[in-house]
C-alpha atoms as a PDB file:
ATOM      1  CA  MET A   1     -44.903  21.710  93.427  1.00  0.00           C
ATOM      2  CA  ALA A   2     -45.627  19.760  96.609  1.00  0.00           C
ATOM      3  CA  LEU A   3     -48.789  17.035  97.050  1.00  0.00           C
ATOM      4  CA  PHE A   4     -48.066  17.366 100.786  1.00  0.00           C
ATOM      5  CA  ARG A   5     -46.904  18.582 103.976  1.00  0.00           C
ATOM      6  CA  ARG A   6     -44.495  18.688 106.318  1.00  0.00           C
ATOM      7  CA  ARG A   7     -45.908  17.935 109.297  1.00  0.00           C
ATOM      8  CA  SER A   8     -43.601  17.675 113.184  1.00  0.00           C
ATOM      9  CA  PRO A   9     -41.813  14.939 113.914  1.00  0.00           C
ATOM     10  CA  GLY A  10     -42.877  12.228 116.595  1.00  0.00           C
ATOM     11  CA  GLY A  11     -41.161  12.329 119.910  1.00  0.00           C
ATOM     12  CA  SER A  12     -37.985  10.718 120.943  1.00  0.00           C
ATOM     13  CA  ASP A  13     -39.321   7.205 121.422  1.00  0.00           C
ATOM     14  CA  ASP A  14     -40.754   7.530 117.680  1.00  0.00           C
ATOM     15  CA  PRO A  15     -38.826   4.926 115.579  1.00  0.00           C
ATOM     16  CA  SER A  16     -38.367   7.650 112.610  1.00  0.00           C
ATOM     17  CA  THR A  17     -37.106  10.181 114.897  1.00  0.00           C
ATOM     18  CA  ALA A  18     -33.922   7.667 116.185  1.00  0.00           C
ATOM     19  CA  PHE A  19     -33.666   7.177 111.976  1.00  0.00           C
ATOM     20  CA  TRP A  20     -33.426  10.448 111.356  1.00  0.00           C
ATOM     21  CA  GLN A  21     -31.174  11.017 114.184  1.00  0.00           C
ATOM     22  CA  TRP A  22     -28.814   8.443 112.859  1.00  0.00           C
ATOM     23  CA  TRP A  23     -28.776   9.639 109.530  1.00  0.00           C
ATOM     24  CA  THR A  24     -28.423  13.076 110.756  1.00  0.00           C
ATOM     25  CA  ASP A  25     -24.955  11.957 113.209  1.00  0.00           C
ATOM     26  CA  GLU A  26     -23.603   9.009 110.810  1.00  0.00           C
ATOM     27  CA  GLY A  27     -25.794   7.965 108.087  1.00  0.00           C
ATOM     28  CA  ARG A  28     -25.368  10.964 105.803  1.00  0.00           C
ATOM     29  CA  GLY A  29     -21.623  11.260 106.443  1.00  0.00           C
ATOM     30  CA  LEU A  30     -21.898   7.881 105.131  1.00  0.00           C
ATOM     31  CA  ALA A  31     -23.824   8.083 102.180  1.00  0.00           C
ATOM     32  CA  GLU A  32     -21.755  11.090 101.102  1.00  0.00           C
ATOM     33  CA  GLN A  33     -18.372   9.051 101.431  1.00  0.00           C
ATOM     34  CA  SER A  34     -20.543   6.075  99.355  1.00  0.00           C
ATOM     35  CA  ILE A  35     -20.890   8.400  96.508  1.00  0.00           C
ATOM     36  CA  ALA A  36     -17.851   9.775  96.427  1.00  0.00           C
ATOM     37  CA  GLY A  37     -16.122   6.148  95.973  1.00  0.00           C
ATOM     38  CA  THR A  38     -14.211   6.666  99.553  1.00  0.00           C
ATOM     39  CA  LEU A  39     -16.436   4.382 101.129  1.00  0.00           C
ATOM     40  CA  PRO A  40     -17.243   0.849  99.431  1.00  0.00           C
ATOM     41  CA  SER A  41     -20.748   0.530  98.553  1.00  0.00           C
ATOM     42  CA  ALA A  42     -20.916  -2.917  99.740  1.00  0.00           C
ATOM     43  CA  GLU A  43     -20.092  -1.490 103.125  1.00  0.00           C
ATOM     44  CA  PHE A  44     -22.596   1.498 103.187  1.00  0.00           C
ATOM     45  CA  GLY A  45     -25.560  -0.561 101.848  1.00  0.00           C
ATOM     46  CA  PRO A  46     -26.073  -3.569 104.693  1.00  0.00           C
ATOM     47  CA  VAL A  47     -25.558  -0.454 107.039  1.00  0.00           C
ATOM     48  CA  MET A  48     -28.628   1.301 105.349  1.00  0.00           C
ATOM     49  CA  THR A  49     -30.578  -1.429 104.804  1.00  0.00           C
ATOM     50  CA  GLU A  50     -30.582  -2.348 108.500  1.00  0.00           C
ATOM     51  CA  HIS A  51     -31.416   0.839 109.739  1.00  0.00           C
ATOM     52  CA  VAL A  52     -34.185   1.716 107.407  1.00  0.00           C
ATOM     53  CA  ARG A  53     -35.825  -1.868 107.810  1.00  0.00           C
ATOM     54  CA  SER A  54     -35.881  -1.015 111.546  1.00  0.00           C
ATOM     55  CA  LEU A  55     -38.552   0.856 110.412  1.00  0.00           C
ATOM     56  CA  GLY A  56     -40.547  -1.789 108.383  1.00  0.00           C
ATOM     57  CA  GLU A  57     -40.757  -3.174 105.023  1.00  0.00           C
ATOM     58  CA  LEU A  58     -39.100  -0.387 103.393  1.00  0.00           C
ATOM     59  CA  GLY A  59     -36.501   0.226 100.477  1.00  0.00           C
ATOM     60  CA  TRP A  60     -34.163   2.949  99.591  1.00  0.00           C
ATOM     61  CA  GLU A  61     -32.117   4.269  97.101  1.00  0.00           C
ATOM     62  CA  LEU A  62     -29.462   7.484  96.482  1.00  0.00           C
ATOM     63  CA  ALA A  63     -30.518   9.519  93.352  1.00  0.00           C
ATOM     64  CA  PRO A  64     -28.875  12.574  92.125  1.00  0.00           C
ATOM     65  CA  GLY A  65     -31.613  15.759  92.895  1.00  0.00           C
ATOM     66  CA  GLU A  66     -33.281  18.395  90.672  1.00  0.00           C
ATOM     67  CA  THR A  67     -32.781  21.230  93.730  1.00  0.00           C
ATOM     68  CA  THR A  68     -29.890  19.593  95.993  1.00  0.00           C
ATOM     69  CA  GLU A  69     -27.177  17.665  95.131  1.00  0.00           C
ATOM     70  CA  HIS A  70     -28.652  14.120  96.154  1.00  0.00           C
ATOM     71  CA  VAL A  71     -32.486  12.376  97.346  1.00  0.00           C
ATOM     72  CA  LEU A  72     -32.444  10.029  99.695  1.00  0.00           C
ATOM     73  CA  VAL A  73     -35.029   7.807  98.113  1.00  0.00           C
ATOM     74  CA  ILE A  74     -37.432   5.662 100.870  1.00  0.00           C
ATOM     75  CA  THR A  75     -39.888   3.905  99.237  1.00  0.00           C
ATOM     76  CA  SER A  76     -42.166   0.994 100.044  1.00  0.00           C
ATOM     77  CA  GLU A  77     -41.560  -0.643  96.392  1.00  0.00           C
ATOM     78  CA  GLY A  78     -45.108   0.064  94.938  1.00  0.00           C
ATOM     79  CA  ALA A  79     -47.160  -2.027  98.360  1.00  0.00           C
ATOM     80  CA  PRO A  80     -50.084   0.008  99.161  1.00  0.00           C
ATOM     81  CA  ASP A  81     -49.692  -1.202 102.585  1.00  0.00           C
ATOM     82  CA  GLY A  82     -46.069   0.369 103.061  1.00  0.00           C
ATOM     83  CA  ARG A  83     -46.941   3.695 101.437  1.00  0.00           C
ATOM     84  CA  ALA A  84     -48.163   5.870 104.825  1.00  0.00           C
ATOM     85  CA  LEU A  85     -45.447   3.898 106.706  1.00  0.00           C
ATOM     86  CA  ALA A  86     -42.734   5.685 103.863  1.00  0.00           C
ATOM     87  CA  ARG A  87     -44.686   8.898 103.414  1.00  0.00           C
ATOM     88  CA  ARG A  88     -44.691   9.527 107.789  1.00  0.00           C
ATOM     89  CA  LEU A  89     -41.042   8.633 107.659  1.00  0.00           C
ATOM     90  CA  VAL A  90     -40.490  11.743 105.215  1.00  0.00           C
ATOM     91  CA  LEU A  91     -43.033  13.955 106.793  1.00  0.00           C
ATOM     92  CA  ALA A  92     -40.450  13.526 109.582  1.00  0.00           C
ATOM     93  CA  ALA A  93     -37.485  13.748 107.924  1.00  0.00           C
ATOM     94  CA  PRO A  94     -34.657  17.104 108.583  1.00  0.00           C
ATOM     95  CA  ASP A  95     -35.287  20.132 106.548  1.00  0.00           C
ATOM     96  CA  ALA A  96     -33.883  20.189 102.840  1.00  0.00           C
ATOM     97  CA  ASP A  97     -30.640  21.490 102.359  1.00  0.00           C
ATOM     98  CA  GLU A  98     -28.304  22.201  99.416  1.00  0.00           C
ATOM     99  CA  THR A  99     -26.864  18.670  99.470  1.00  0.00           C
ATOM    100  CA  TRP A 100     -29.940  16.413 100.547  1.00  0.00           C
ATOM    101  CA  SER A 101     -33.747  16.290 100.134  1.00  0.00           C
ATOM    102  CA  TYR A 102     -35.771  13.604 100.877  1.00  0.00           C
ATOM    103  CA  VAL A 103     -38.508  11.598  99.017  1.00  0.00           C
ATOM    104  CA  ASP A 104     -41.007   8.884  99.121  1.00  0.00           C
ATOM    105  CA  THR A 105     -41.349   7.808  95.576  1.00  0.00           C
ATOM    106  CA  ARG A 106     -38.726   7.520  92.985  1.00  0.00           C
ATOM    107  CA  PRO A 107     -38.001  10.842  90.963  1.00  0.00           C
ATOM    108  CA  PRO A 108     -37.547  10.870  87.591  1.00  0.00           C
ATOM    109  CA  SER A 109     -34.758  10.561  85.424  1.00  0.00           C
ATOM    110  CA  ALA A 110     -32.928  14.366  84.883  1.00  0.00           C
ATOM    111  CA  ASP A 111     -32.506  13.159  81.437  1.00  0.00           C
ATOM    112  CA  PRO A 112     -34.622  10.015  80.551  1.00  0.00           C
ATOM    113  CA  ASP A 113     -33.018   9.906  77.433  1.00  0.00           C
ATOM    114  CA  SER A 114     -29.453   8.888  78.676  1.00  0.00           C
ATOM    115  CA  VAL A 115     -30.697   6.243  80.678  1.00  0.00           C
ATOM    116  CA  VAL A 116     -29.222   2.504  79.107  1.00  0.00           C
ATOM    117  CA  LEU A 117     -30.483  -0.427  80.542  1.00  0.00           C
ATOM    118  CA  GLY A 118     -29.741  -3.877  81.212  1.00  0.00           C
ATOM    119  CA  VAL A 119     -32.787  -6.511  81.107  1.00  0.00           C
ATOM    120  CA  ALA A 120     -33.274  -9.792  80.408  1.00  0.00           C
ATOM    121  CA  GLY A 121     -29.425 -10.526  79.200  1.00  0.00           C
ATOM    122  CA  VAL A 122     -29.743  -7.538  76.887  1.00  0.00           C
ATOM    123  CA  SER A 123     -27.636  -4.460  77.550  1.00  0.00           C
ATOM    124  CA  ASP A 124     -27.152  -1.381  76.089  1.00  0.00           C
ATOM    125  CA  ILE A 125     -30.927  -0.717  75.982  1.00  0.00           C
ATOM    126  CA  ALA A 126     -30.909   3.143  75.457  1.00  0.00           C
ATOM    127  CA  LEU A 127     -34.233   4.737  76.847  1.00  0.00           C
ATOM    128  CA  SER A 128     -33.755   6.976  73.664  1.00  0.00           C
ATOM    129  CA  GLN A 129     -34.776   4.675  71.497  1.00  0.00           C
ATOM    130  CA  VAL A 130     -38.096   4.432  73.225  1.00  0.00           C
ATOM    131  CA  ARG A 131     -41.220   5.458  71.190  1.00  0.00           C
ATOM    132  CA  VAL A 132     -44.831   6.155  73.253  1.00  0.00           C
ATOM    133  CA  ALA A 133     -48.364   6.191  72.088  1.00  0.00           C
ATOM    134  CA  ALA A 134     -50.628   8.311  74.107  1.00  0.00           C
ATOM    135  CA  ARG A 135     -54.330   8.706  73.876  1.00  0.00           C
ATOM    136  CA  MET A 136     -56.804   9.991  76.743  1.00  0.00           C
ATOM    137  CA  ASN A 137     -58.635   8.096  78.805  1.00  0.00           C
ATOM    138  CA  GLY A 138     -61.016  10.013  81.546  1.00  0.00           C
ATOM    139  CA  SER A 139     -58.243  12.282  83.495  1.00  0.00           C
ATOM    140  CA  ARG A 140     -55.517   9.693  82.397  1.00  0.00           C
ATOM    141  CA  PHE A 141     -53.300   8.426  79.384  1.00  0.00           C
ATOM    142  CA  ASP A 142     -53.405   4.838  78.139  1.00  0.00           C
ATOM    143  CA  VAL A 143     -50.039   4.667  76.448  1.00  0.00           C
ATOM    144  CA  GLN A 144     -48.171   2.190  74.064  1.00  0.00           C
ATOM    145  CA  VAL A 145     -44.377   1.594  74.746  1.00  0.00           C
ATOM    146  CA  HIS A 146     -41.834   0.479  72.133  1.00  0.00           C
ATOM    147  CA  HIS A 147     -38.358  -0.800  71.908  1.00  0.00           C
ATOM    148  CA  PRO A 148     -36.391  -1.893  69.113  1.00  0.00           C
ATOM    149  CA  SER A 149     -35.043  -4.656  71.790  1.00  0.00           C
ATOM    150  CA  PHE A 150     -38.449  -6.012  72.307  1.00  0.00           C
ATOM    151  CA  ALA A 151     -37.965  -8.594  69.416  1.00  0.00           C
ATOM    152  CA  ASP A 152     -35.021 -10.039  71.605  1.00  0.00           C
ATOM    153  CA  LEU A 153     -36.925 -10.003  74.850  1.00  0.00           C
ATOM    154  CA  PRO A 154     -39.371 -11.993  76.485  1.00  0.00           C
ATOM    155  CA  GLU A 155     -42.858 -10.632  77.699  1.00  0.00           C
ATOM    156  CA  ASP A 156     -41.569 -10.119  81.170  1.00  0.00           C
ATOM    157  CA  GLY A 157     -38.639  -8.327  80.215  1.00  0.00           C
ATOM    158  CA  ARG A 158     -40.656  -6.105  77.750  1.00  0.00           C
ATOM    159  CA  ALA A 159     -42.389  -5.185  80.644  1.00  0.00           C
ATOM    160  CA  GLN A 160     -39.884  -4.348  82.995  1.00  0.00           C
ATOM    161  CA  VAL A 161     -38.301  -1.927  79.941  1.00  0.00           C
ATOM    162  CA  THR A 162     -41.964  -0.369  80.242  1.00  0.00           C
ATOM    163  CA  PHE A 163     -41.783   0.317  83.634  1.00  0.00           C
ATOM    164  CA  LEU A 164     -38.450   1.316  84.141  1.00  0.00           C
ATOM    165  CA  ALA A 165     -38.571   3.952  81.178  1.00  0.00           C
ATOM    166  CA  LEU A 166     -41.717   5.292  81.837  1.00  0.00           C
ATOM    167  CA  ASP A 167     -40.381   5.801  85.533  1.00  0.00           C
ATOM    168  CA  ALA A 168     -37.539   7.270  84.154  1.00  0.00           C
ATOM    169  CA  ALA A 169     -39.443   9.664  82.146  1.00  0.00           C
ATOM    170  CA  LEU A 170     -42.089  10.976  84.921  1.00  0.00           C
ATOM    171  CA  GLY A 171     -41.124   9.434  88.119  1.00  0.00           C
ATOM    172  CA  GLU A 172     -42.893   6.966  90.359  1.00  0.00           C
ATOM    173  CA  ILE A 173     -45.479   9.381  91.317  1.00  0.00           C
ATOM    174  CA  ASP A 174     -46.530  11.071  88.201  1.00  0.00           C
ATOM    175  CA  ALA A 175     -46.121   7.464  86.080  1.00  0.00           C
ATOM    176  CA  GLU A 176     -49.306   5.324  88.466  1.00  0.00           C
ATOM    177  CA  LEU A 177     -51.042   9.047  88.701  1.00  0.00           C
ATOM    178  CA  TRP A 178     -50.903   9.955  84.853  1.00  0.00           C
ATOM    179  CA  LEU A 179     -51.249   7.005  83.119  1.00  0.00           C
ATOM    180  CA  GLY A 180     -53.973   4.360  83.223  1.00  0.00           C
ATOM    181  CA  GLU A 181     -53.439   1.005  80.732  1.00  0.00           C
ATOM    182  CA  VAL A 182     -49.859   0.455  79.911  1.00  0.00           C
ATOM    183  CA  GLN A 183     -48.992  -1.725  76.919  1.00  0.00           C
ATOM    184  CA  PRO A 184     -45.944  -2.548  75.627  1.00  0.00           C
ATOM    185  CA  VAL A 185     -45.519  -3.226  71.635  1.00  0.00           C
ATOM    186  CA  GLU A 186     -43.623  -5.073  69.346  1.00  0.00           C
ATOM    187  CA  PHE A 187     -43.778  -2.370  66.105  1.00  0.00           C
ATOM    188  CA  PRO A 188     -43.321   0.913  67.300  1.00  0.00           C
ATOM    189  CA  PRO A 189     -46.778   3.143  66.872  1.00  0.00           C
ATOM    190  CA  LEU A 190     -47.263   5.383  64.027  1.00  0.00           C
ATOM    191  CA  ASP A 191     -47.771   8.578  65.799  1.00  0.00           C
ATOM    192  CA  GLY A 192     -45.349   7.689  68.730  1.00  0.00           C
ATOM    193  CA  PHE A 193     -42.939  10.072  70.207  1.00  0.00           C
ATOM    194  CA  GLY A 194     -39.844   9.563  72.809  1.00  0.00           C
ATOM    195  CA  LEU A 195     -39.660   9.966  76.365  1.00  0.00           C
ATOM    196  CA  THR A 196     -39.285  13.537  76.838  1.00  0.00           C
ATOM    197  CA  ALA A 197     -42.253  14.301  75.173  1.00  0.00           C
ATOM    198  CA  LEU A 198     -43.883  12.269  77.121  1.00  0.00           C
ATOM    199  CA  ARG A 199     -43.041  14.178  79.901  1.00  0.00           C
ATOM    200  CA  SER A 200     -44.188  17.693  78.399  1.00  0.00           C
ATOM    201  CA  VAL A 201     -47.259  16.259  77.629  1.00  0.00           C
ATOM    202  CA  VAL A 202     -48.022  14.772  81.273  1.00  0.00           C
ATOM    203  CA  GLN A 203     -46.930  18.442  82.559  1.00  0.00           C
ATOM    204  CA  ASP A 204     -49.588  19.679  80.469  1.00  0.00           C
ATOM    205  CA  LEU A 205     -52.387  17.212  81.744  1.00  0.00           C
ATOM    206  CA  LYS A 206     -50.872  17.709  85.839  1.00  0.00           C
ATOM    207  CA  GLY A 207     -51.876  21.721  85.065  1.00  0.00           C
ATOM    208  CA  LYS A 208     -55.246  20.695  84.521  1.00  0.00           C
ATOM    209  CA  HIS A 209     -56.010  18.984  87.472  1.00  0.00           C
ATOM    210  CA  LEU A 210     -53.417  20.169  89.776  1.00  0.00           C
ATOM    211  CA  ASP A 211     -53.684  23.892  91.749  1.00  0.00           C
ATOM    212  CA  ALA A 212     -51.089  26.275  92.347  1.00  0.00           C
ATOM    213  CA  ASP A 213     -49.525  24.219  95.656  1.00  0.00           C
ATOM    214  CA  GLY A 214     -49.881  20.543  93.550  1.00  0.00           C
ATOM    215  CA  ARG A 215     -53.140  19.593  95.241  1.00  0.00           C
ATOM    216  CA  PRO A 216     -56.321  17.704  93.534  1.00  0.00           C
ATOM    217  CA  SER A 217     -58.395  19.946  92.526  1.00  0.00           C
ATOM    218  CA  TRP A 218     -62.483  19.112  92.433  1.00  0.00           C
ATOM    219  CA  ALA A 219     -64.620  17.402  89.577  1.00  0.00           C
ATOM    220  CA  MET A 220     -68.275  17.302  89.266  1.00  0.00           C
ATOM    221  CA  LEU A 221     -69.983  14.073  88.687  1.00  0.00           C
ATOM    222  CA  ARG A 222     -73.849  13.748  87.620  1.00  0.00           C
ATOM    223  CA  GLY A 223     -75.789  10.637  87.516  1.00  0.00           C
ATOM    224  CA  GLU A 224     -78.934   9.033  87.944  1.00  0.00           C
ATOM    225  CA  THR A 225     -79.924   6.274  90.256  1.00  0.00           C
ATOM    226  CA  ALA A 226     -83.316   4.419  91.983  1.00  0.00           C
ATOM    227  CA  SER A 227     -83.298   6.875  94.268  1.00  0.00           C
ATOM    228  CA  GLY A 228     -83.304  10.241  92.171  1.00  0.00           C
ATOM    229  CA  GLU A 229     -80.465  12.862  91.036  1.00  0.00           C
ATOM    230  CA  LEU A 230     -77.216  12.275  92.183  1.00  0.00           C
ATOM    231  CA  VAL A 231     -74.644  15.003  92.175  1.00  0.00           C
ATOM    232  CA  ALA A 232     -70.395  14.041  93.517  1.00  0.00           C
ATOM    233  CA  MET A 233     -67.875  16.431  94.125  1.00  0.00           C
ATOM    234  CA  VAL A 234     -64.619  14.317  93.863  1.00  0.00           C
ATOM    235  CA  ARG A 235     -60.685  15.048  94.324  1.00  0.00           C
ATOM    236  CA  SER A 236     -59.100  14.896  90.859  1.00  0.00           C
ATOM    237  CA  PRO A 237     -56.981  12.952  90.542  1.00  0.00           C
ATOM    238  CA  LEU A 238     -58.120  10.338  93.741  1.00  0.00           C
ATOM    239  CA  HIS A 239     -55.665   8.212  94.282  1.00  0.00           C
ATOM    240  CA  PRO A 240     -53.737   7.525  97.605  1.00  0.00           C
ATOM    241  CA  LEU A 241     -50.217   8.057  96.256  1.00  0.00           C
ATOM    242  CA  THR A 242     -51.565  12.308  96.668  1.00  0.00           C
ATOM    243  CA  ALA A 243     -51.639  11.277 100.578  1.00  0.00           C
ATOM    244  CA  PRO A 244     -50.642   7.692 101.452  1.00  0.00           C
ATOM    245  CA  HIS A 245     -50.691   8.429 105.158  1.00  0.00           C
ATOM    246  CA  LEU A 246     -53.922   8.399 105.396  1.00  0.00           C
ATOM    247  CA  ASP A 247     -54.891   4.831 105.047  1.00  0.00           C
ATOM    248  CA  THR A 248     -57.748   5.208 107.296  1.00  0.00           C
ATOM    249  CA  TYR A 249     -61.629   5.296 105.333  1.00  0.00           C
ATOM    250  CA  VAL A 250     -64.352   6.696 107.287  1.00  0.00           C
ATOM    251  CA  GLY A 251     -68.037   7.433 105.387  1.00  0.00           C
ATOM    252  CA  VAL A 252     -70.058   9.829 107.283  1.00  0.00           C
ATOM    253  CA  ALA A 253     -73.296   9.817 105.982  1.00  0.00           C
ATOM    254  CA  LEU A 254     -75.659  12.831 106.769  1.00  0.00           C
ATOM    255  CA  PRO A 255     -79.630  12.532 106.097  1.00  0.00           C
ATOM    256  CA  PHE A 256     -80.543  16.060 105.520  1.00  0.00           C
ATOM    257  CA  ALA A 257     -84.207  17.737 105.866  1.00  0.00           C
ATOM    258  CA  GLU A 258     -84.603  20.045 103.121  1.00  0.00           C
ATOM    259  CA  ARG A 259     -84.353  18.381  99.711  1.00  0.00           C
ATOM    260  CA  THR A 260     -85.434  18.666  96.058  1.00  0.00           C
ATOM    261  CA  ALA A 261     -87.956  16.593  94.242  1.00  0.00           C
ATOM    262  CA  GLY A 262     -85.183  14.809  92.982  1.00  0.00           C
ATOM    263  CA  GLY A 263     -83.893  14.183  96.252  1.00  0.00           C
ATOM    264  CA  LEU A 264     -80.859  16.610  96.173  1.00  0.00           C
ATOM    265  CA  PRO A 265     -80.313  19.357  98.914  1.00  0.00           C
ATOM    266  CA  ASP A 266     -82.069  22.427  98.837  1.00  0.00           C
ATOM    267  CA  ALA A 267     -80.939  25.859  99.941  1.00  0.00           C
ATOM    268  CA  GLY A 268     -81.391  25.148 104.200  1.00  0.00           C
ATOM    269  CA  SER A 269     -79.697  22.090 103.879  1.00  0.00           C
ATOM    270  CA  LEU A 270     -77.152  22.492 101.298  1.00  0.00           C
ATOM    271  CA  GLU A 271     -75.751  25.782 104.292  1.00  0.00           C
ATOM    272  CA  THR A 272     -75.658  23.226 106.765  1.00  0.00           C
ATOM    273  CA  LEU A 273     -74.114  20.718 105.253  1.00  0.00           C
ATOM    274  CA  ARG A 274     -71.649  23.751 104.089  1.00  0.00           C
ATOM    275  CA  GLN A 275     -70.670  24.389 108.029  1.00  0.00           C
ATOM    276  CA  PHE A 276     -70.450  20.931 108.789  1.00  0.00           C
ATOM    277  CA  ASP A 277     -68.267  19.872 106.218  1.00  0.00           C
ATOM    278  CA  GLU A 278     -65.978  23.617 107.226  1.00  0.00           C
ATOM    279  CA  ARG A 279     -65.949  21.873 110.910  1.00  0.00           C
ATOM    280  CA  LEU A 280     -64.676  18.586 109.829  1.00  0.00           C
ATOM    281  CA  GLU A 281     -61.640  20.235 108.229  1.00  0.00           C
ATOM    282  CA  GLU A 282     -60.781  21.928 110.987  1.00  0.00           C
ATOM    283  CA  LEU A 283     -60.573  18.754 112.997  1.00  0.00           C
ATOM    284  CA  LEU A 284     -58.564  16.924 110.365  1.00  0.00           C
ATOM    285  CA  GLY A 285     -56.432  19.698 109.978  1.00  0.00           C
ATOM    286  CA  THR A 286     -53.312  17.784 108.076  1.00  0.00           C
ATOM    287  CA  SER A 287     -53.995  14.235 109.177  1.00  0.00           C
ATOM    288  CA  GLY A 288     -56.859  13.545 106.902  1.00  0.00           C
ATOM    289  CA  GLN A 289     -58.461  15.440 104.288  1.00  0.00           C
ATOM    290  CA  VAL A 290     -62.499  14.884 102.472  1.00  0.00           C
ATOM    291  CA  VAL A 291     -61.780  13.369  99.600  1.00  0.00           C
ATOM    292  CA  ALA A 292     -65.718  13.343  97.803  1.00  0.00           C
ATOM    293  CA  HIS A 293     -68.831  14.360  98.512  1.00  0.00           C
ATOM    294  CA  LEU A 294     -72.117  12.952  97.186  1.00  0.00           C
ATOM    295  CA  SER A 295     -75.598  13.501  97.430  1.00  0.00           C
ATOM    296  CA  THR A 296     -78.432  11.488  96.337  1.00  0.00           C
ATOM    297  CA  GLY A 297     -82.086  10.610  98.042  1.00  0.00           C
ATOM    298  CA  GLY A 298     -82.040  12.786 100.798  1.00  0.00           C
ATOM    299  CA  VAL A 299     -78.635  11.538 102.018  1.00  0.00           C
ATOM    300  CA  SER A 300     -75.137  13.215 101.495  1.00  0.00           C
ATOM    301  CA  THR A 301     -72.017  11.298 102.431  1.00  0.00           C
ATOM    302  CA  LEU A 302     -68.635  12.575 102.933  1.00  0.00           C
ATOM    303  CA  HIS A 303     -65.873  10.255 102.049  1.00  0.00           C
ATOM    304  CA  VAL A 304     -62.961  11.029 104.420  1.00  0.00           C
ATOM    305  CA  TYR A 305     -59.098   9.514 104.601  1.00  0.00           C
ATOM    306  CA  VAL A 306     -57.559   9.915 108.039  1.00  0.00           C
ATOM    307  CA  ASP A 307     -54.016   8.856 109.353  1.00  0.00           C
ATOM    308  CA  SER A 308     -54.557   5.293 111.467  1.00  0.00           C
ATOM    309  CA  THR A 309     -51.927   7.288 113.714  1.00  0.00           C
ATOM    310  CA  ALA A 310     -53.970  10.252 114.546  1.00  0.00           C
ATOM    311  CA  ASP A 311     -56.730   8.339 116.097  1.00  0.00           C
ATOM    312  CA  LEU A 312     -59.494  10.806 114.586  1.00  0.00           C
ATOM    313  CA  VAL A 313     -62.354   7.878 114.089  1.00  0.00           C
ATOM    314  CA  PRO A 314     -63.901   8.720 117.492  1.00  0.00           C
ATOM    315  CA  THR A 315     -63.518  12.619 116.769  1.00  0.00           C
ATOM    316  CA  ILE A 316     -65.284  12.502 113.335  1.00  0.00           C
ATOM    317  CA  LYS A 317     -68.135  10.194 115.277  1.00  0.00           C
ATOM    318  CA  GLY A 318     -68.179  12.763 117.833  1.00  0.00           C
ATOM    319  CA  LEU A 319     -69.038  15.637 115.336  1.00  0.00           C
ATOM    320  CA  ALA A 320     -71.944  13.126 113.776  1.00  0.00           C
ATOM    321  CA  ARG A 321     -73.151  13.163 116.492  1.00  0.00           C
ATOM    322  CA  THR A 322     -74.328  17.038 116.485  1.00  0.00           C
ATOM    323  CA  TRP A 323     -75.878  16.572 113.141  1.00  0.00           C
ATOM    324  CA  GLY A 324     -79.294  17.527 113.362  1.00  0.00           C
ATOM    325  CA  GLU A 325     -81.265  17.003 110.337  1.00  0.00           C
ATOM    326  CA  GLY A 326     -81.655  12.828 111.113  1.00  0.00           C
ATOM    327  CA  LYS A 327     -79.782  10.256 112.651  1.00  0.00           C
ATOM    328  CA  ALA A 328     -75.588  10.838 110.856  1.00  0.00           C
ATOM    329  CA  THR A 329     -73.906   6.679 110.630  1.00  0.00           C
ATOM    330  CA  VAL A 330     -70.221   6.792 110.554  1.00  0.00           C
ATOM    331  CA  HIS A 331     -67.958   3.572 108.877  1.00  0.00           C
ATOM    332  CA  ASP A 332     -64.551   3.326 108.759  1.00  0.00           C
ATOM    333  CA  MET A 333     -61.791   1.001 107.598  1.00  0.00           C
ATOM    334  CA  HIS A 334     -58.425   0.226 106.855  1.00  0.00           C
ATOM    335  CA  ASP A 335     -58.258   0.809 103.258  1.00  0.00           C
ATOM    336  CA  PRO A 336     -54.390   2.096 102.233  1.00  0.00           C
ATOM    337  CA  GLY A 337     -55.411   1.632  98.457  1.00  0.00           C
ATOM    338  CA  TRP A 338     -58.620   4.031  98.905  1.00  0.00           C
ATOM    339  CA  GLU A 339     -60.436   1.192  96.961  1.00  0.00           C
ATOM    340  CA  ALA A 340     -63.947   2.617  98.818  1.00  0.00           C
ATOM    341  CA  VAL A 341     -63.769   5.280  96.143  1.00  0.00           C
ATOM    342  CA  THR A 342     -62.294   3.704  93.294  1.00  0.00           C
ATOM    343  CA  HIS A 343     -65.897   4.218  91.532  1.00  0.00           C
ATOM    344  CA  LEU A 344     -65.663   7.862  92.025  1.00  0.00           C
ATOM    345  CA  ARG A 345     -62.520   8.164  90.267  1.00  0.00           C
ATOM    346  CA  VAL A 346     -62.814  10.207  87.154  1.00  0.00           C
END
């Protein structure tokens, strides 16, 4: 299931267009020669790095694919500021075929139990010996991770093995979306299980929060504030990795006229708000999305994220000026880490 949709590539002067043209004409063939061993990796690596780094602070790697023979991974190495660039680049990639597909985060290993690591001078760290305990915390699992090698590793080495193991089992996206607190532990947990079982548990959790197309579902929040009742509908999971190319936050505050005693929208205003939301979604297209609606104290706030390259903020402000039940306000800021909505995550 895909968390994002492909969009049309940019014009001929777009750096991503030039990169993918090089990849199609030359880079792909060089990569295949490197994988086959007919071109030394020491020759291919610097050439590939030069082309990727011409686009920004990005990393890359080649990996076996699940549905294709190979995968080209272009990643921001976990840096929030680079995720938008990596996602836009992958959205502009050629269509996948039997040989190549393209992703912007590291995929899981086909068989994590077969992976053997070497960390901090300790070799032969077999991930088949990892034991994990998982405890549900909201919509994510807090996990403890143990490996027998931890007795011989310093603290940073234990952390490195832990995160490499979780990435091997789940991939970069699922490890960040569905895991909360991660703790390496010196002794094996009594209720521990292996990485393959962890993958199965996380797949079950994903099924409860994503729709059939892999998009986040909606969760309802209720509470009380000094202004009265509060009701919010939020995307779950509410995380920038679900749409990292949407790197600009836009908050649209709409005061409404018809309200309940608790300060929530009554029937008439509720319908007007719904119509506004529909118009906004049409304007956003694939370059933005409403990630949360929050109503309290006679004001409904739409929390929106948009692609900074799409120049949508003036369009949203223009739509807000059409609001007829009070003076709408719009606030925007660069926010690749989605910090503006962390308080709404469940």
